[in-house]
């Protein structure tokens, strides 16, 4: 692992230290986990945007999704 320095304001540092204590982590572990989660979230956003762009470029026809609407409908008594 590599050591880095980051600058945070005192309020954020106090909140981070409190969260680390609650999670039984040290400050470095908390920051690593937060960074992992944030990077995963960014990847998910990128995938969602790619999907959205694909559906906008080639939208589904009514016939393609009608089958699923019928499957999701409540059965008639």
N, C-alpha and C. Protein backbone atom coordinates (compact mmCIF):
# COMPACT_ATOMS: atom_id res chain seq x y z
N UNK A 1 0.84 -1.19 0.00
CA UNK A 1 0.00 0.00 0.00
C UNK A 1 0.88 1.24 0.00
N UNK A 2 0.29 2.29 -0.51
CA UNK A 2 0.99 3.55 -0.54
C UNK A 2 0.34 4.52 0.44
N UNK A 3 1.14 5.41 0.95
CA UNK A 3 0.66 6.43 1.87
C UNK A 3 0.39 7.69 1.08
N UNK A 4 -0.76 8.32 1.34
CA UNK A 4 -1.11 9.58 0.69
C UNK A 4 -1.50 10.58 1.76
N UNK A 5 -1.53 11.83 1.39
CA UNK A 5 -2.03 12.87 2.28
C UNK A 5 -3.25 13.49 1.64
N UNK A 6 -4.26 13.75 2.44
CA UNK A 6 -5.44 14.47 1.95
C UNK A 6 -5.74 15.60 2.92
N UNK A 7 -6.36 16.62 2.41
CA UNK A 7 -6.74 17.76 3.23
C UNK A 7 -8.25 17.75 3.39
N UNK A 8 -8.72 17.77 4.63
CA UNK A 8 -10.15 17.82 4.91
C UNK A 8 -10.41 18.90 5.96
N UNK A 9 -11.60 19.44 5.92
CA UNK A 9 -11.93 20.47 6.91
C UNK A 9 -12.18 19.79 8.27
N UNK A 10 -12.09 20.53 9.34
CA UNK A 10 -12.21 19.95 10.69
C UNK A 10 -13.54 19.24 10.94
N UNK A 11 -14.63 19.76 10.38
CA UNK A 11 -15.93 19.14 10.61
C UNK A 11 -15.99 17.77 9.95
N UNK A 12 -15.48 17.67 8.72
CA UNK A 12 -15.45 16.39 8.02
C UNK A 12 -14.54 15.40 8.75
N UNK A 13 -13.40 15.86 9.23
CA UNK A 13 -12.49 14.98 9.95
C UNK A 13 -13.14 14.45 11.24
N UNK A 14 -13.83 15.31 11.95
CA UNK A 14 -14.50 14.88 13.18
C UNK A 14 -15.58 13.84 12.87
N UNK A 15 -16.35 14.07 11.80
CA UNK A 15 -17.39 13.11 11.41
C UNK A 15 -16.77 11.79 10.96
N UNK A 16 -15.66 11.86 10.23
CA UNK A 16 -14.98 10.64 9.78
C UNK A 16 -14.44 9.85 10.96
N UNK A 17 -13.85 10.54 11.90
CA UNK A 17 -13.33 9.85 13.08
C UNK A 17 -14.45 9.19 13.89
N UNK A 18 -15.58 9.87 14.00
CA UNK A 18 -16.72 9.29 14.72
C UNK A 18 -17.24 8.06 13.98
N UNK A 19 -17.33 8.14 12.65
CA UNK A 19 -17.80 7.00 11.86
C UNK A 19 -16.83 5.83 11.98
N UNK A 20 -15.54 6.12 11.96
CA UNK A 20 -14.54 5.06 12.10
C UNK A 20 -14.67 4.38 13.45
N UNK A 21 -14.87 5.15 14.49
CA UNK A 21 -15.04 4.59 15.82
C UNK A 21 -16.28 3.70 15.88
N UNK A 22 -17.40 4.19 15.32
CA UNK A 22 -18.63 3.40 15.31
C UNK A 22 -18.44 2.10 14.53
N UNK A 23 -17.68 2.15 13.45
CA UNK A 23 -17.46 0.97 12.63
C UNK A 23 -16.29 0.11 13.07
N UNK A 24 -15.68 0.49 14.19
CA UNK A 24 -14.52 -0.24 14.71
C UNK A 24 -13.40 -0.32 13.66
N UNK A 25 -13.16 0.82 13.01
CA UNK A 25 -12.13 0.93 11.98
C UNK A 25 -11.16 2.04 12.37
N UNK A 26 -10.01 2.01 11.74
CA UNK A 26 -9.16 3.20 11.89
C UNK A 26 -9.48 4.14 10.74
N UNK A 27 -8.95 5.32 10.80
CA UNK A 27 -9.26 6.35 9.81
C UNK A 27 -8.91 5.89 8.39
N UNK A 28 -7.76 5.26 8.23
CA UNK A 28 -7.34 4.81 6.90
C UNK A 28 -8.29 3.77 6.33
N UNK A 29 -8.72 2.84 7.17
CA UNK A 29 -9.68 1.82 6.71
C UNK A 29 -10.99 2.46 6.27
N UNK A 30 -11.43 3.44 7.02
CA UNK A 30 -12.67 4.14 6.68
C UNK A 30 -12.54 4.84 5.32
N UNK A 31 -11.43 5.53 5.11
CA UNK A 31 -11.23 6.25 3.85
C UNK A 31 -11.11 5.26 2.69
N UNK A 32 -10.39 4.15 2.87
CA UNK A 32 -10.29 3.15 1.81
C UNK A 32 -11.65 2.59 1.43
N UNK A 33 -12.45 2.25 2.45
CA UNK A 33 -13.78 1.69 2.17
C UNK A 33 -14.67 2.73 1.48
N UNK A 34 -14.60 3.97 1.93
CA UNK A 34 -15.40 5.03 1.30
C UNK A 34 -14.99 5.22 -0.16
N UNK A 35 -13.70 5.17 -0.43
CA UNK A 35 -13.21 5.33 -1.79
C UNK A 35 -13.64 4.15 -2.66
N UNK A 36 -13.55 2.93 -2.12
CA UNK A 36 -14.02 1.76 -2.87
C UNK A 36 -15.49 1.90 -3.25
N UNK A 37 -16.31 2.26 -2.27
CA UNK A 37 -17.75 2.40 -2.52
C UNK A 37 -18.03 3.50 -3.54
N UNK A 38 -17.30 4.61 -3.43
CA UNK A 38 -17.53 5.70 -4.36
C UNK A 38 -17.14 5.28 -5.78
N UNK A 39 -16.03 4.61 -5.94
CA UNK A 39 -15.61 4.16 -7.26
C UNK A 39 -16.59 3.15 -7.85
N UNK A 40 -17.12 2.27 -7.01
CA UNK A 40 -18.14 1.32 -7.48
C UNK A 40 -19.39 2.07 -7.93
N UNK A 41 -19.79 3.06 -7.17
CA UNK A 41 -20.96 3.87 -7.52
C UNK A 41 -20.74 4.58 -8.85
N UNK A 42 -19.54 5.12 -9.07
CA UNK A 42 -19.23 5.77 -10.34
C UNK A 42 -19.31 4.78 -11.50
N UNK A 43 -18.82 3.56 -11.30
CA UNK A 43 -18.91 2.52 -12.34
C UNK A 43 -20.37 2.21 -12.66
N UNK A 44 -21.20 2.10 -11.63
CA UNK A 44 -22.62 1.82 -11.84
C UNK A 44 -23.30 2.95 -12.59
N UNK A 45 -22.96 4.18 -12.26
CA UNK A 45 -23.53 5.33 -12.97
C UNK A 45 -23.13 5.29 -14.45
N UNK A 46 -21.88 4.94 -14.71
CA UNK A 46 -21.41 4.86 -16.09
C UNK A 46 -22.17 3.77 -16.87
N UNK A 47 -22.38 2.62 -16.24
CA UNK A 47 -23.13 1.54 -16.90
C UNK A 47 -24.57 1.95 -17.15
N UNK A 48 -25.19 2.61 -16.18
CA UNK A 48 -26.56 3.07 -16.36
C UNK A 48 -26.66 4.07 -17.51
N UNK A 49 -25.69 4.97 -17.59
CA UNK A 49 -25.71 5.96 -18.66
C UNK A 49 -25.50 5.30 -20.01
N UNK A 50 -24.64 4.29 -20.06
CA UNK A 50 -24.43 3.56 -21.32
C UNK A 50 -25.71 2.84 -21.74
N UNK A 51 -26.40 2.21 -20.77
CA UNK A 51 -27.67 1.56 -21.08
C UNK A 51 -28.71 2.57 -21.56
N UNK A 52 -28.78 3.70 -20.86
CA UNK A 52 -29.75 4.74 -21.24
C UNK A 52 -29.49 5.23 -22.67
N UNK A 53 -28.22 5.45 -22.98
CA UNK A 53 -27.87 5.91 -24.33
C UNK A 53 -28.23 4.85 -25.37
N UNK A 54 -28.02 3.59 -25.03
CA UNK A 54 -28.37 2.51 -25.96
C UNK A 54 -29.86 2.43 -26.21
N UNK A 55 -30.66 2.56 -25.16
CA UNK A 55 -32.11 2.53 -25.34
C UNK A 55 -32.62 3.76 -26.09
N UNK A 56 -31.95 4.90 -25.89
CA UNK A 56 -32.36 6.09 -26.63
C UNK A 56 -32.00 5.95 -28.11
N UNK A 57 -30.86 5.32 -28.38
CA UNK A 57 -30.43 5.14 -29.77
C UNK A 57 -31.28 4.11 -30.49
N UNK A 58 -31.74 3.11 -29.75
CA UNK A 58 -32.55 2.05 -30.35
C UNK A 58 -33.68 1.68 -29.39
N UNK A 59 -34.72 2.50 -29.35
CA UNK A 59 -35.81 2.25 -28.40
C UNK A 59 -36.56 0.96 -28.71
N UNK A 60 -37.14 0.40 -27.65
CA UNK A 60 -37.95 -0.81 -27.83
C UNK A 60 -39.26 -0.46 -28.51
N UNK A 61 -39.75 -1.39 -29.28
CA UNK A 61 -41.07 -1.19 -29.89
C UNK A 61 -42.13 -1.63 -28.88
N UNK A 62 -43.35 -1.23 -29.12
CA UNK A 62 -44.44 -1.59 -28.23
C UNK A 62 -44.61 -3.11 -28.13
N UNK A 63 -44.36 -3.81 -29.21
CA UNK A 63 -44.51 -5.27 -29.21
C UNK A 63 -43.49 -5.93 -28.29
N UNK A 64 -42.30 -5.34 -28.19
CA UNK A 64 -41.24 -5.93 -27.38
C UNK A 64 -41.55 -5.88 -25.88
N UNK A 65 -42.21 -4.84 -25.43
CA UNK A 65 -42.48 -4.76 -24.00
C UNK A 65 -43.91 -5.12 -23.62
N UNK A 66 -44.79 -5.28 -24.59
CA UNK A 66 -46.18 -5.65 -24.28
C UNK A 66 -46.24 -7.01 -23.58
N UNK A 67 -45.39 -7.95 -23.99
CA UNK A 67 -45.37 -9.27 -23.36
C UNK A 67 -45.10 -9.15 -21.86
N UNK A 68 -44.18 -8.28 -21.50
CA UNK A 68 -43.84 -8.13 -20.08
C UNK A 68 -44.95 -7.42 -19.32
N UNK A 69 -45.63 -6.48 -19.96
CA UNK A 69 -46.75 -5.82 -19.29
C UNK A 69 -47.85 -6.82 -18.99
N UNK A 70 -48.11 -7.72 -19.94
CA UNK A 70 -49.14 -8.73 -19.72
C UNK A 70 -48.73 -9.70 -18.62
N UNK A 71 -47.46 -10.05 -18.54
CA UNK A 71 -46.98 -10.97 -17.51
C UNK A 71 -47.07 -10.33 -16.12
N UNK A 72 -46.91 -9.01 -16.06
CA UNK A 72 -46.91 -8.31 -14.77
C UNK A 72 -48.31 -7.93 -14.31
N UNK A 73 -49.30 -8.08 -15.17
CA UNK A 73 -50.67 -7.66 -14.83
C UNK A 73 -51.29 -8.66 -13.83
N UNK A 74 -52.16 -8.12 -12.96
CA UNK A 74 -52.87 -8.96 -12.01
C UNK A 74 -53.83 -9.87 -12.78
N UNK A 75 -53.90 -11.12 -12.38
CA UNK A 75 -54.84 -12.02 -13.07
C UNK A 75 -56.29 -11.61 -12.78
N UNK A 76 -57.12 -11.81 -13.76
CA UNK A 76 -58.54 -11.52 -13.57
C UNK A 76 -59.21 -12.70 -12.88
N UNK A 77 -60.12 -12.41 -12.00
CA UNK A 77 -60.84 -13.49 -11.28
C UNK A 77 -61.91 -14.11 -12.13
